[in-house]
C-alpha atoms as a PDB file:
ATOM      1  CA  UNK A   1      88.423-158.368 241.888  1.00  0.00           C
ATOM      2  CA  UNK A   2      85.480-159.072 240.060  1.00  0.00           C
ATOM      3  CA  UNK A   3      85.693-160.176 236.302  1.00  0.00           C
ATOM      4  CA  UNK A   4      83.390-160.888 233.503  1.00  0.00           C
ATOM      5  CA  UNK A   5      81.360-163.191 234.164  1.00  0.00           C
ATOM      6  CA  UNK A   6      80.764-163.312 237.782  1.00  0.00           C
ATOM      7  CA  UNK A   7      78.341-165.962 239.638  1.00  0.00           C
ATOM      8  CA  UNK A   8      77.494-166.720 243.037  1.00  0.00           C
ATOM      9  CA  UNK A   9      76.588-170.223 243.797  1.00  0.00           C
ATOM     10  CA  UNK A  10      74.348-171.098 246.873  1.00  0.00           C
ATOM     11  CA  UNK A  11      74.244-175.436 246.957  1.00  0.00           C
ATOM     12  CA  UNK A  12      71.342-175.638 244.770  1.00  0.00           C
ATOM     13  CA  UNK A  13      70.808-172.263 242.654  1.00  0.00           C
ATOM     14  CA  UNK A  14      73.269-169.655 240.744  1.00  0.00           C
ATOM     15  CA  UNK A  15      72.736-166.397 240.905  1.00  0.00           C
ATOM     16  CA  UNK A  16      74.322-163.946 238.632  1.00  0.00           C
ATOM     17  CA  UNK A  17      73.785-159.663 237.722  1.00  0.00           C
ATOM     18  CA  UNK A  18      74.746-157.152 234.889  1.00  0.00           C
ATOM     19  CA  UNK A  19      77.719-155.494 237.092  1.00  0.00           C
ATOM     20  CA  UNK A  20      79.720-158.525 237.674  1.00  0.00           C
ATOM     21  CA  UNK A  21      80.215-157.576 241.244  1.00  0.00           C
ATOM     22  CA  UNK A  22      79.695-160.957 243.519  1.00  0.00           C
ATOM     23  CA  UNK A  23      79.025-158.012 246.304  1.00  0.00           C
ATOM     24  CA  UNK A  24      76.168-156.561 244.507  1.00  0.00           C
ATOM     25  CA  UNK A  25      74.954-160.055 243.566  1.00  0.00           C
ATOM     26  CA  UNK A  26      74.720-161.082 247.157  1.00  0.00           C
ATOM     27  CA  UNK A  27      73.123-157.903 248.328  1.00  0.00           C
ATOM     28  CA  UNK A  28      70.324-158.868 245.836  1.00  0.00           C
ATOM     29  CA  UNK A  29      71.290-156.950 242.168  1.00  0.00           C
ATOM     30  CA  UNK A  30      71.066-160.328 240.671  1.00  0.00           C
ATOM     31  CA  UNK A  31      68.506-161.788 237.925  1.00  0.00           C
ATOM     32  CA  UNK A  32      66.149-163.204 240.578  1.00  0.00           C
ATOM     33  CA  UNK A  33      66.184-159.608 242.459  1.00  0.00           C
ATOM     34  CA  UNK A  34      67.370-161.956 245.958  1.00  0.00           C
ATOM     35  CA  UNK A  35      69.566-160.867 248.480  1.00  0.00           C
ATOM     36  CA  UNK A  36      71.472-164.048 249.673  1.00  0.00           C
ATOM     37  CA  UNK A  37      72.999-164.893 252.796  1.00  0.00           C
ATOM     38  CA  UNK A  38      76.616-164.869 252.395  1.00  0.00           C
ATOM     39  CA  UNK A  39      77.666-167.115 256.054  1.00  0.00           C
ATOM     40  CA  UNK A  40      75.905-169.246 258.520  1.00  0.00           C
ATOM     41  CA  UNK A  41      77.424-170.794 261.598  1.00  0.00           C
ATOM     42  CA  UNK A  42      79.020-173.823 259.615  1.00  0.00           C
ATOM     43  CA  UNK A  43      81.031-171.261 257.282  1.00  0.00           C
ATOM     44  CA  UNK A  44      80.457-169.640 253.866  1.00  0.00           C
ATOM     45  CA  UNK A  45      76.834-170.719 252.513  1.00  0.00           C
ATOM     46  CA  UNK A  46      77.574-169.173 249.241  1.00  0.00           C
ATOM     47  CA  UNK A  47      80.829-169.450 246.153  1.00  0.00           C
ATOM     48  CA  UNK A  48      81.927-166.684 244.469  1.00  0.00           C
ATOM     49  CA  UNK A  49      82.605-168.182 240.813  1.00  0.00           C
ATOM     50  CA  UNK A  50      83.851-166.457 237.807  1.00  0.00           C
ATOM     51  CA  UNK A  51      84.605-166.916 233.911  1.00  0.00           C
ATOM     52  CA  UNK A  52      86.631-165.093 232.214  1.00  0.00           C
ATOM     53  CA  UNK A  53      88.225-164.869 228.367  1.00  0.00           C
ATOM     54  CA  UNK A  54      91.702-166.768 227.937  1.00  0.00           C
ATOM     55  CA  UNK A  55      94.345-166.974 225.472  1.00  0.00           C
ATOM     56  CA  UNK A  56      92.266-169.789 223.691  1.00  0.00           C
ATOM     57  CA  UNK A  57      89.269-167.300 223.321  1.00  0.00           C
ATOM     58  CA  UNK A  58      88.668-166.137 219.994  1.00  0.00           C
ATOM     59  CA  UNK A  59      85.865-164.265 220.263  1.00  0.00           C
ATOM     60  CA  UNK A  60      83.528-163.442 223.285  1.00  0.00           C
ATOM     61  CA  UNK A  61      80.967-166.047 222.712  1.00  0.00           C
ATOM     62  CA  UNK A  62      83.038-168.888 222.754  1.00  0.00           C
ATOM     63  CA  UNK A  63      82.301-169.430 226.251  1.00  0.00           C
ATOM     64  CA  UNK A  64      83.808-172.960 226.425  1.00  0.00           C
ATOM     65  CA  UNK A  65      87.261-171.499 225.911  1.00  0.00           C
ATOM     66  CA  UNK A  66      86.712-169.084 229.271  1.00  0.00           C
ATOM     67  CA  UNK A  67      88.900-169.953 232.198  1.00  0.00           C
ATOM     68  CA  UNK A  68      87.134-170.950 235.504  1.00  0.00           C
ATOM     69  CA  UNK A  69      88.043-169.224 238.747  1.00  0.00           C
ATOM     70  CA  UNK A  70      87.131-169.098 242.198  1.00  0.00           C
ATOM     71  CA  UNK A  71      87.170-165.531 243.813  1.00  0.00           C
ATOM     72  CA  UNK A  72      87.447-166.936 247.876  1.00  0.00           C
ATOM     73  CA  UNK A  73      89.688-168.570 250.062  1.00  0.00           C
ATOM     74  CA  UNK A  74      87.230-170.624 252.252  1.00  0.00           C
ATOM     75  CA  UNK A  75      84.868-172.955 250.366  1.00  0.00           C
ATOM     76  CA  UNK A  76      81.312-174.235 251.619  1.00  0.00           C
ATOM     77  CA  UNK A  77      81.258-177.697 252.631  1.00  0.00           C
ATOM     78  CA  UNK A  78      78.987-178.541 249.244  1.00  0.00           C
ATOM     79  CA  UNK A  79      82.107-177.343 247.022  1.00  0.00           C
ATOM     80  CA  UNK A  80      82.656-179.429 244.162  1.00  0.00           C
ATOM     81  CA  UNK A  81      85.119-177.607 241.521  1.00  0.00           C
ATOM     82  CA  UNK A  82      83.775-179.454 238.168  1.00  0.00           C
ATOM     83  CA  UNK A  83      79.805-179.082 239.356  1.00  0.00           C
ATOM     84  CA  UNK A  84      80.910-175.348 240.268  1.00  0.00           C
ATOM     85  CA  UNK A  85      82.463-174.959 236.841  1.00  0.00           C
ATOM     86  CA  UNK A  86      79.369-176.642 234.905  1.00  0.00           C
ATOM     87  CA  UNK A  87      76.880-174.484 236.947  1.00  0.00           C
ATOM     88  CA  UNK A  88      78.934-171.077 236.125  1.00  0.00           C
ATOM     89  CA  UNK A  89      78.900-171.943 232.285  1.00  0.00           C
ATOM     90  CA  UNK A  90      75.349-172.961 232.619  1.00  0.00           C
ATOM     91  CA  UNK A  91      74.532-169.496 233.988  1.00  0.00           C
ATOM     92  CA  UNK A  92      76.815-167.348 231.437  1.00  0.00           C
ATOM     93  CA  UNK A  93      74.694-168.926 228.675  1.00  0.00           C
ATOM     94  CA  UNK A  94      71.399-168.254 230.320  1.00  0.00           C
ATOM     95  CA  UNK A  95      72.703-164.650 230.767  1.00  0.00           C
ATOM     96  CA  UNK A  96      73.197-164.529 226.772  1.00  0.00           C
ATOM     97  CA  UNK A  97      70.629-167.211 225.709  1.00  0.00           C
ATOM     98  CA  UNK A  98      70.611-165.727 221.842  1.00  0.00           C
ATOM     99  CA  UNK A  99      74.552-166.456 222.023  1.00  0.00           C
ATOM    100  CA  UNK A 100      75.450-162.746 221.578  1.00  0.00           C
ATOM    101  CA  UNK A 101      77.291-160.956 224.495  1.00  0.00           C
ATOM    102  CA  UNK A 102      76.356-157.473 223.906  1.00  0.00           C
ATOM    103  CA  UNK A 103      76.978-155.826 227.540  1.00  0.00           C
ATOM    104  CA  UNK A 104      79.158-157.038 230.411  1.00  0.00           C
ATOM    105  CA  UNK A 105      80.116-155.026 233.651  1.00  0.00           C
ATOM    106  CA  UNK A 106      83.775-155.607 233.487  1.00  0.00           C
ATOM    107  CA  UNK A 107      86.461-156.757 231.027  1.00  0.00           C
ATOM    108  CA  UNK A 108      89.522-158.101 230.772  1.00  0.00           C
ATOM    109  CA  UNK A 109      91.182-159.087 227.679  1.00  0.00           C
ATOM    110  CA  UNK A 110      94.408-161.393 228.513  1.00  0.00           C
ATOM    111  CA  UNK A 111      97.823-161.166 226.872  1.00  0.00           C
ATOM    112  CA  UNK A 112      98.724-163.060 224.129  1.00  0.00           C
ATOM    113  CA  UNK A 113      95.330-163.466 222.899  1.00  0.00           C
ATOM    114  CA  UNK A 114      93.788-161.930 219.809  1.00  0.00           C
ATOM    115  CA  UNK A 115      89.584-161.430 220.561  1.00  0.00           C
ATOM    116  CA  UNK A 116      86.459-159.994 219.163  1.00  0.00           C
ATOM    117  CA  UNK A 117      83.815-158.708 220.546  1.00  0.00           C
ATOM    118  CA  UNK A 118      81.616-158.404 217.151  1.00  0.00           C
ATOM    119  CA  UNK A 119      78.207-157.755 219.319  1.00  0.00           C
ATOM    120  CA  UNK A 120      79.475-155.788 222.122  1.00  0.00           C
ATOM    121  CA  UNK A 121      78.250-152.395 222.250  1.00  0.00           C
ATOM    122  CA  UNK A 122      79.028-151.604 225.861  1.00  0.00           C
ATOM    123  CA  UNK A 123      81.093-152.195 228.934  1.00  0.00           C
ATOM    124  CA  UNK A 124      79.352-151.180 232.103  1.00  0.00           C
ATOM    125  CA  UNK A 125      82.676-150.870 234.104  1.00  0.00           C
ATOM    126  CA  UNK A 126      86.245-151.095 233.170  1.00  0.00           C
ATOM    127  CA  UNK A 127      87.508-152.395 230.290  1.00  0.00           C
ATOM    128  CA  UNK A 128      91.591-153.714 230.524  1.00  0.00           C
ATOM    129  CA  UNK A 129      93.166-154.463 227.247  1.00  0.00           C
ATOM    130  CA  UNK A 130      96.222-156.492 227.052  1.00  0.00           C
ATOM    131  CA  UNK A 131      96.327-157.994 223.672  1.00  0.00           C
ATOM    132  CA  UNK A 132      94.710-157.601 220.512  1.00  0.00           C
ATOM    133  CA  UNK A 133      90.730-156.874 221.220  1.00  0.00           C
ATOM    134  CA  UNK A 134      88.419-155.879 218.356  1.00  0.00           C
ATOM    135  CA  UNK A 135      85.134-154.578 219.160  1.00  0.00           C
ATOM    136  CA  UNK A 136      83.567-152.839 215.633  1.00  0.00           C
ATOM    137  CA  UNK A 137      80.279-151.848 217.641  1.00  0.00           C
ATOM    138  CA  UNK A 138      81.552-151.059 220.969  1.00  0.00           C
ATOM    139  CA  UNK A 139      79.979-147.416 222.003  1.00  0.00           C
ATOM    140  CA  UNK A 140      80.678-146.523 225.525  1.00  0.00           C
ATOM    141  CA  UNK A 141      82.689-148.104 228.656  1.00  0.00           C
ATOM    142  CA  UNK A 142      81.524-146.813 231.990  1.00  0.00           C
ATOM    143  CA  UNK A 143      84.671-147.051 233.948  1.00  0.00           C
ATOM    144  CA  UNK A 144      88.081-146.591 233.092  1.00  0.00           C
ATOM    145  CA  UNK A 145      89.749-147.963 229.780  1.00  0.00           C
ATOM    146  CA  UNK A 146      93.316-149.370 230.191  1.00  0.00           C
ATOM    147  CA  UNK A 147      95.250-150.458 227.067  1.00  0.00           C
ATOM    148  CA  UNK A 148      98.496-151.943 228.316  1.00  0.00           C
ATOM    149  CA  UNK A 149     101.833-152.065 226.065  1.00  0.00           C
ATOM    150  CA  UNK A 150     101.400-154.378 223.484  1.00  0.00           C
ATOM    151  CA  UNK A 151      97.746-154.085 223.457  1.00  0.00           C
ATOM    152  CA  UNK A 152      95.711-152.994 220.579  1.00  0.00           C
ATOM    153  CA  UNK A 153      92.240-151.864 220.797  1.00  0.00           C
ATOM    154  CA  UNK A 154      90.285-151.397 217.557  1.00  0.00           C
ATOM    155  CA  UNK A 155      86.823-149.776 218.658  1.00  0.00           C
ATOM    156  CA  UNK A 156      86.028-147.440 215.666  1.00  0.00           C
ATOM    157  CA  UNK A 157      82.591-146.469 217.306  1.00  0.00           C
ATOM    158  CA  UNK A 158      83.702-146.050 220.786  1.00  0.00           C
ATOM    159  CA  UNK A 159      82.363-142.409 221.534  1.00  0.00           C
ATOM    160  CA  UNK A 160      82.464-142.430 225.351  1.00  0.00           C
ATOM    161  CA  UNK A 161      84.565-143.384 228.018  1.00  0.00           C
ATOM    162  CA  UNK A 162      83.574-142.425 231.823  1.00  0.00           C
ATOM    163  CA  UNK A 163      86.533-142.742 233.502  1.00  0.00           C
ATOM    164  CA  UNK A 164      90.054-141.924 233.252  1.00  0.00           C
ATOM    165  CA  UNK A 165      91.925-143.219 229.912  1.00  0.00           C
ATOM    166  CA  UNK A 166      95.165-144.894 230.239  1.00  0.00           C
ATOM    167  CA  UNK A 167      97.258-145.830 227.188  1.00  0.00           C
ATOM    168  CA  UNK A 168     100.920-147.531 227.931  1.00  0.00           C
ATOM    169  CA  UNK A 169     103.492-147.293 225.072  1.00  0.00           C
END
């Protein structure tokens, strides 16, 4: 599953978009409006990476606390985990140059965390809340809203959820 923040790395470049969908980024819905060739004669040309909030994350702007993930099984020949992690984190900072996370495609708040999204106004896709999440200016969720048992969403300005709402007691 694609998470906030999703990126696609080539040997020399990093691509990201607003949707957090690797496939949309590959198709050209990225900051460079450039379609990518995922596979070549020697295997994958790209690396699908993700950064997502972790239990160490206290606010969405604390990018260094995010967990780094790879979202594919076969790696390109040029793959180096430390380099991929660093390049993905740099891209996240480019995506939010003012340091304020105001809009994301998909967001999952992990168990056993307390995270603040003080600038977050909208989630374009689904929002998964498994712990304490405070989003004082969040007004819309473009997908479904899932609040798991033990999860707590404090979003007093939330007016619109385009998908279903699941709240598990």
